[in-house]
């Protein structure tokens, strides 16, 4: 097979992150979430340009899942990031999140979920031999990311109701790849 000089995977990731941006923009435009919609957004707390209160960053050093449902303030959606104020332990905290930092987006009211590959900036430097392995060797790494995201979600959602996700509703880039 030829080398992908078009970089389709990166274009697809960017397009799917646009779904997150557009969903947030619609909430702003409609002055609130329509119907029963609400969002669970998981993002990397140490990603460049993420602005998060230091106490939250210490508590969630890798990822945090936030919920946009009833109580959020100052929601803004820009081309590359969104901003929102949420209460944590009754105290308002400002967040600025680049869309590239988002690892999961879930709207449990309709069973819609997106999961993104971790940005290359956040991947640990791999030894040269690891880079020579075939693409199939990367699959376990993705499942570890899913497992870690689920563990993080379980930790974060102790104060919020959880919803089980039907596995057939998750949209993943792996479903678009040739096998």
C-alpha atoms as a PDB file:
ATOM      1  CA  UNK A   1       0.000   0.000   0.000  1.00  0.00           C
ATOM      2  CA  UNK A   2       1.209   3.537  -0.727  1.00  0.00           C
ATOM      3  CA  UNK A   3       2.183   6.044   1.912  1.00  0.00           C
ATOM      4  CA  UNK A   4      -0.685   8.376   2.869  1.00  0.00           C
ATOM      5  CA  UNK A   5       0.731  11.706   1.764  1.00  0.00           C
ATOM      6  CA  UNK A   6      -2.713  13.291   2.109  1.00  0.00           C
ATOM      7  CA  UNK A   7      -2.774  12.546   5.857  1.00  0.00           C
ATOM      8  CA  UNK A   8      -6.405  11.415   5.836  1.00  0.00           C
ATOM      9  CA  UNK A   9      -6.336  10.292   9.469  1.00  0.00           C
ATOM     10  CA  UNK A  10      -5.395  13.777  10.667  1.00  0.00           C
ATOM     11  CA  UNK A  11      -8.050  15.358   8.417  1.00  0.00           C
ATOM     12  CA  UNK A  12     -10.686  12.985   9.819  1.00  0.00           C
ATOM     13  CA  UNK A  13      -9.684  13.749  13.419  1.00  0.00           C
ATOM     14  CA  UNK A  14      -9.914  17.476  12.676  1.00  0.00           C
ATOM     15  CA  UNK A  15     -13.332  17.091  11.032  1.00  0.00           C
ATOM     16  CA  UNK A  16     -14.703  15.071  13.967  1.00  0.00           C
ATOM     17  CA  UNK A  17     -13.382  17.640  16.438  1.00  0.00           C
ATOM     18  CA  UNK A  18     -15.397  20.137  14.385  1.00  0.00           C
ATOM     19  CA  UNK A  19     -18.508  18.218  15.496  1.00  0.00           C
ATOM     20  CA  UNK A  20     -17.619  19.054  19.109  1.00  0.00           C
ATOM     21  CA  UNK A  21     -17.111  22.733  18.209  1.00  0.00           C
ATOM     22  CA  UNK A  22     -20.379  22.874  16.249  1.00  0.00           C
ATOM     23  CA  UNK A  23     -22.341  21.201  19.071  1.00  0.00           C
ATOM     24  CA  UNK A  24     -21.054  23.788  21.547  1.00  0.00           C
ATOM     25  CA  UNK A  25     -21.810  26.611  19.106  1.00  0.00           C
ATOM     26  CA  UNK A  26     -25.378  25.343  18.741  1.00  0.00           C
ATOM     27  CA  UNK A  27     -25.833  25.377  22.521  1.00  0.00           C
ATOM     28  CA  UNK A  28     -24.679  29.006  22.549  1.00  0.00           C
ATOM     29  CA  UNK A  29     -26.877  29.959  19.582  1.00  0.00           C
ATOM     30  CA  UNK A  30     -29.977  28.342  21.101  1.00  0.00           C
ATOM     31  CA  UNK A  31     -29.226  29.805  24.538  1.00  0.00           C
ATOM     32  CA  UNK A  32     -28.979  26.398  26.165  1.00  0.00           C
ATOM     33  CA  UNK A  33     -28.998  22.713  25.498  1.00  0.00           C
ATOM     34  CA  UNK A  34     -32.059  21.605  23.510  1.00  0.00           C
ATOM     35  CA  UNK A  35     -34.282  18.909  25.004  1.00  0.00           C
ATOM     36  CA  UNK A  36     -32.503  16.333  27.136  1.00  0.00           C
ATOM     37  CA  UNK A  37     -29.115  16.816  25.449  1.00  0.00           C
ATOM     38  CA  UNK A  38     -26.060  17.166  27.676  1.00  0.00           C
ATOM     39  CA  UNK A  39     -22.367  16.653  27.065  1.00  0.00           C
ATOM     40  CA  UNK A  40     -19.593  14.765  28.782  1.00  0.00           C
ATOM     41  CA  UNK A  41     -16.320  16.184  27.478  1.00  0.00           C
ATOM     42  CA  UNK A  42     -13.046  14.531  28.450  1.00  0.00           C
ATOM     43  CA  UNK A  43      -9.829  16.419  27.812  1.00  0.00           C
ATOM     44  CA  UNK A  44      -6.133  16.281  28.629  1.00  0.00           C
ATOM     45  CA  UNK A  45      -5.413  18.608  31.538  1.00  0.00           C
ATOM     46  CA  UNK A  46      -1.722  19.085  30.650  1.00  0.00           C
ATOM     47  CA  UNK A  47      -2.201  19.756  26.937  1.00  0.00           C
ATOM     48  CA  UNK A  48      -0.561  23.014  25.735  1.00  0.00           C
ATOM     49  CA  UNK A  49      -2.856  26.061  26.083  1.00  0.00           C
ATOM     50  CA  UNK A  50      -5.346  24.313  28.380  1.00  0.00           C
ATOM     51  CA  UNK A  51      -6.244  26.714  31.173  1.00  0.00           C
ATOM     52  CA  UNK A  52      -7.428  24.914  34.282  1.00  0.00           C
ATOM     53  CA  UNK A  53      -7.342  25.744  37.969  1.00  0.00           C
ATOM     54  CA  UNK A  54      -4.182  24.305  39.548  1.00  0.00           C
ATOM     55  CA  UNK A  55      -6.178  22.395  42.184  1.00  0.00           C
ATOM     56  CA  UNK A  56      -8.098  20.595  39.418  1.00  0.00           C
ATOM     57  CA  UNK A  57      -4.890  19.908  37.485  1.00  0.00           C
ATOM     58  CA  UNK A  58      -3.391  18.314  40.602  1.00  0.00           C
ATOM     59  CA  UNK A  59      -6.497  16.227  41.238  1.00  0.00           C
ATOM     60  CA  UNK A  60      -6.735  15.184  37.563  1.00  0.00           C
ATOM     61  CA  UNK A  61      -3.142  15.217  36.274  1.00  0.00           C
ATOM     62  CA  UNK A  62      -3.934  13.429  32.993  1.00  0.00           C
ATOM     63  CA  UNK A  63      -7.594  13.808  32.000  1.00  0.00           C
ATOM     64  CA  UNK A  64     -10.788  15.249  33.374  1.00  0.00           C
ATOM     65  CA  UNK A  65     -14.382  14.774  32.270  1.00  0.00           C
ATOM     66  CA  UNK A  66     -16.639  17.797  32.537  1.00  0.00           C
ATOM     67  CA  UNK A  67     -20.402  17.824  32.163  1.00  0.00           C
ATOM     68  CA  UNK A  68     -22.317  20.553  30.358  1.00  0.00           C
ATOM     69  CA  UNK A  69     -25.905  20.140  31.443  1.00  0.00           C
ATOM     70  CA  UNK A  70     -27.658  22.490  33.868  1.00  0.00           C
ATOM     71  CA  UNK A  71     -25.067  24.706  35.520  1.00  0.00           C
ATOM     72  CA  UNK A  72     -22.411  26.267  33.327  1.00  0.00           C
ATOM     73  CA  UNK A  73     -21.616  29.894  32.633  1.00  0.00           C
ATOM     74  CA  UNK A  74     -19.855  32.024  30.031  1.00  0.00           C
ATOM     75  CA  UNK A  75     -19.745  29.257  27.419  1.00  0.00           C
ATOM     76  CA  UNK A  76     -17.855  30.415  24.339  1.00  0.00           C
ATOM     77  CA  UNK A  77     -16.784  28.497  21.238  1.00  0.00           C
ATOM     78  CA  UNK A  78     -13.858  29.790  19.219  1.00  0.00           C
ATOM     79  CA  UNK A  79     -12.236  28.313  16.127  1.00  0.00           C
ATOM     80  CA  UNK A  80      -9.606  26.351  18.074  1.00  0.00           C
ATOM     81  CA  UNK A  81     -10.902  26.195  21.658  1.00  0.00           C
ATOM     82  CA  UNK A  82     -13.881  26.610  23.949  1.00  0.00           C
ATOM     83  CA  UNK A  83     -14.234  28.373  27.288  1.00  0.00           C
ATOM     84  CA  UNK A  84     -16.642  27.699  30.134  1.00  0.00           C
ATOM     85  CA  UNK A  85     -17.051  28.274  33.845  1.00  0.00           C
ATOM     86  CA  UNK A  86     -18.225  25.306  35.926  1.00  0.00           C
ATOM     87  CA  UNK A  87     -18.608  24.731  39.640  1.00  0.00           C
ATOM     88  CA  UNK A  88     -16.345  22.196  41.320  1.00  0.00           C
ATOM     89  CA  UNK A  89     -17.213  21.634  44.967  1.00  0.00           C
ATOM     90  CA  UNK A  90     -19.486  24.681  44.798  1.00  0.00           C
ATOM     91  CA  UNK A  91     -16.657  26.958  43.615  1.00  0.00           C
ATOM     92  CA  UNK A  92     -16.747  28.423  40.065  1.00  0.00           C
ATOM     93  CA  UNK A  93     -13.692  27.507  37.978  1.00  0.00           C
ATOM     94  CA  UNK A  94     -12.817  28.872  34.534  1.00  0.00           C
ATOM     95  CA  UNK A  95     -11.647  26.416  31.849  1.00  0.00           C
ATOM     96  CA  UNK A  96     -10.187  27.054  28.415  1.00  0.00           C
ATOM     97  CA  UNK A  97      -9.866  23.892  26.323  1.00  0.00           C
ATOM     98  CA  UNK A  98      -8.361  23.570  22.841  1.00  0.00           C
ATOM     99  CA  UNK A  99     -10.356  21.100  20.750  1.00  0.00           C
ATOM    100  CA  UNK A 100      -7.122  19.158  20.152  1.00  0.00           C
ATOM    101  CA  UNK A 101      -7.014  18.415  23.901  1.00  0.00           C
ATOM    102  CA  UNK A 102     -10.431  16.675  23.769  1.00  0.00           C
ATOM    103  CA  UNK A 103     -10.168  12.883  23.895  1.00  0.00           C
ATOM    104  CA  UNK A 104     -13.885  12.021  24.235  1.00  0.00           C
ATOM    105  CA  UNK A 105     -17.210  13.688  23.546  1.00  0.00           C
ATOM    106  CA  UNK A 106     -20.398  11.971  24.667  1.00  0.00           C
ATOM    107  CA  UNK A 107     -24.057  12.978  24.565  1.00  0.00           C
ATOM    108  CA  UNK A 108     -25.732  10.163  26.515  1.00  0.00           C
ATOM    109  CA  UNK A 109     -29.241  11.467  25.812  1.00  0.00           C
ATOM    110  CA  UNK A 110     -28.971  10.113  22.266  1.00  0.00           C
ATOM    111  CA  UNK A 111     -26.154   7.578  22.722  1.00  0.00           C
ATOM    112  CA  UNK A 112     -23.684   9.568  20.611  1.00  0.00           C
ATOM    113  CA  UNK A 113     -19.965   9.384  21.376  1.00  0.00           C
ATOM    114  CA  UNK A 114     -16.692  10.281  19.722  1.00  0.00           C
ATOM    115  CA  UNK A 115     -13.261   9.131  20.857  1.00  0.00           C
ATOM    116  CA  UNK A 116     -10.110  10.745  19.528  1.00  0.00           C
ATOM    117  CA  UNK A 117      -6.541   9.524  19.266  1.00  0.00           C
ATOM    118  CA  UNK A 118      -4.260  11.294  21.721  1.00  0.00           C
ATOM    119  CA  UNK A 119      -2.513  14.256  20.079  1.00  0.00           C
ATOM    120  CA  UNK A 120       1.041  13.524  18.954  1.00  0.00           C
ATOM    121  CA  UNK A 121       2.298  16.258  21.290  1.00  0.00           C
ATOM    122  CA  UNK A 122       1.169  14.153  24.254  1.00  0.00           C
ATOM    123  CA  UNK A 123       2.556  10.779  23.163  1.00  0.00           C
ATOM    124  CA  UNK A 124       5.727   9.672  24.937  1.00  0.00           C
ATOM    125  CA  UNK A 125       8.823   9.521  22.771  1.00  0.00           C
ATOM    126  CA  UNK A 126       9.045   5.985  21.398  1.00  0.00           C
ATOM    127  CA  UNK A 127      12.308   4.148  20.784  1.00  0.00           C
ATOM    128  CA  UNK A 128      13.300   3.728  17.136  1.00  0.00           C
ATOM    129  CA  UNK A 129      12.504  -0.014  17.178  1.00  0.00           C
ATOM    130  CA  UNK A 130       8.935   0.674  18.293  1.00  0.00           C
ATOM    131  CA  UNK A 131       8.453   2.958  15.313  1.00  0.00           C
ATOM    132  CA  UNK A 132       9.423   0.122  12.968  1.00  0.00           C
ATOM    133  CA  UNK A 133       6.585  -2.135  14.164  1.00  0.00           C
ATOM    134  CA  UNK A 134       3.619  -2.584  11.804  1.00  0.00           C
ATOM    135  CA  UNK A 135       0.506  -0.450  12.297  1.00  0.00           C
ATOM    136  CA  UNK A 136      -1.339  -3.351  13.967  1.00  0.00           C
ATOM    137  CA  UNK A 137       0.962  -2.972  16.994  1.00  0.00           C
ATOM    138  CA  UNK A 138      -0.693   0.376  17.711  1.00  0.00           C
ATOM    139  CA  UNK A 139      -4.122  -1.158  18.390  1.00  0.00           C
ATOM    140  CA  UNK A 140      -3.421  -2.266  22.017  1.00  0.00           C
ATOM    141  CA  UNK A 141      -2.271   1.272  22.752  1.00  0.00           C
ATOM    142  CA  UNK A 142      -5.671   2.588  21.654  1.00  0.00           C
ATOM    143  CA  UNK A 143      -7.486   0.095  23.883  1.00  0.00           C
ATOM    144  CA  UNK A 144      -5.362   1.219  26.842  1.00  0.00           C
ATOM    145  CA  UNK A 145      -6.427   4.783  26.080  1.00  0.00           C
ATOM    146  CA  UNK A 146     -10.088   3.705  26.046  1.00  0.00           C
ATOM    147  CA  UNK A 147      -9.628   1.865  29.349  1.00  0.00           C
ATOM    148  CA  UNK A 148      -7.889   4.869  30.911  1.00  0.00           C
ATOM    149  CA  UNK A 149     -10.630   7.203  29.642  1.00  0.00           C
ATOM    150  CA  UNK A 150     -13.281   4.920  31.177  1.00  0.00           C
ATOM    151  CA  UNK A 151     -11.393   4.842  34.495  1.00  0.00           C
ATOM    152  CA  UNK A 152     -11.081   8.633  34.456  1.00  0.00           C
ATOM    153  CA  UNK A 153     -14.766   8.971  33.628  1.00  0.00           C
ATOM    154  CA  UNK A 154     -15.688   6.716  36.550  1.00  0.00           C
ATOM    155  CA  UNK A 155     -13.584   8.855  38.914  1.00  0.00           C
ATOM    156  CA  UNK A 156     -15.002  12.149  37.684  1.00  0.00           C
ATOM    157  CA  UNK A 157     -18.635  11.170  37.442  1.00  0.00           C
ATOM    158  CA  UNK A 158     -19.048  10.328  41.114  1.00  0.00           C
ATOM    159  CA  UNK A 159     -20.908  13.619  41.568  1.00  0.00           C
ATOM    160  CA  UNK A 160     -22.925  13.241  38.373  1.00  0.00           C
ATOM    161  CA  UNK A 161     -25.182  10.498  37.056  1.00  0.00           C
ATOM    162  CA  UNK A 162     -23.539   7.980  34.764  1.00  0.00           C
ATOM    163  CA  UNK A 163     -24.993   6.545  31.610  1.00  0.00           C
ATOM    164  CA  UNK A 164     -23.877   3.328  29.999  1.00  0.00           C
ATOM    165  CA  UNK A 165     -22.829   3.774  26.419  1.00  0.00           C
ATOM    166  CA  UNK A 166     -24.020   1.289  23.818  1.00  0.00           C
ATOM    167  CA  UNK A 167     -20.874   0.023  22.117  1.00  0.00           C
ATOM    168  CA  UNK A 168     -22.465   0.170  18.664  1.00  0.00           C
ATOM    169  CA  UNK A 169     -23.028   3.950  18.944  1.00  0.00           C
ATOM    170  CA  UNK A 170     -19.360   4.941  19.469  1.00  0.00           C
ATOM    171  CA  UNK A 171     -17.795   6.439  16.378  1.00  0.00           C
ATOM    172  CA  UNK A 172     -14.099   5.629  16.184  1.00  0.00           C
ATOM    173  CA  UNK A 173     -11.598   6.246  13.437  1.00  0.00           C
ATOM    174  CA  UNK A 174     -10.769   2.535  13.450  1.00  0.00           C
ATOM    175  CA  UNK A 175     -14.165   1.864  11.866  1.00  0.00           C
ATOM    176  CA  UNK A 176     -13.124   3.885   8.799  1.00  0.00           C
ATOM    177  CA  UNK A 177      -9.721   2.244   8.335  1.00  0.00           C
ATOM    178  CA  UNK A 178      -9.112  -0.621   5.924  1.00  0.00           C
ATOM    179  CA  UNK A 179      -8.193  -3.817   7.690  1.00  0.00           C
END
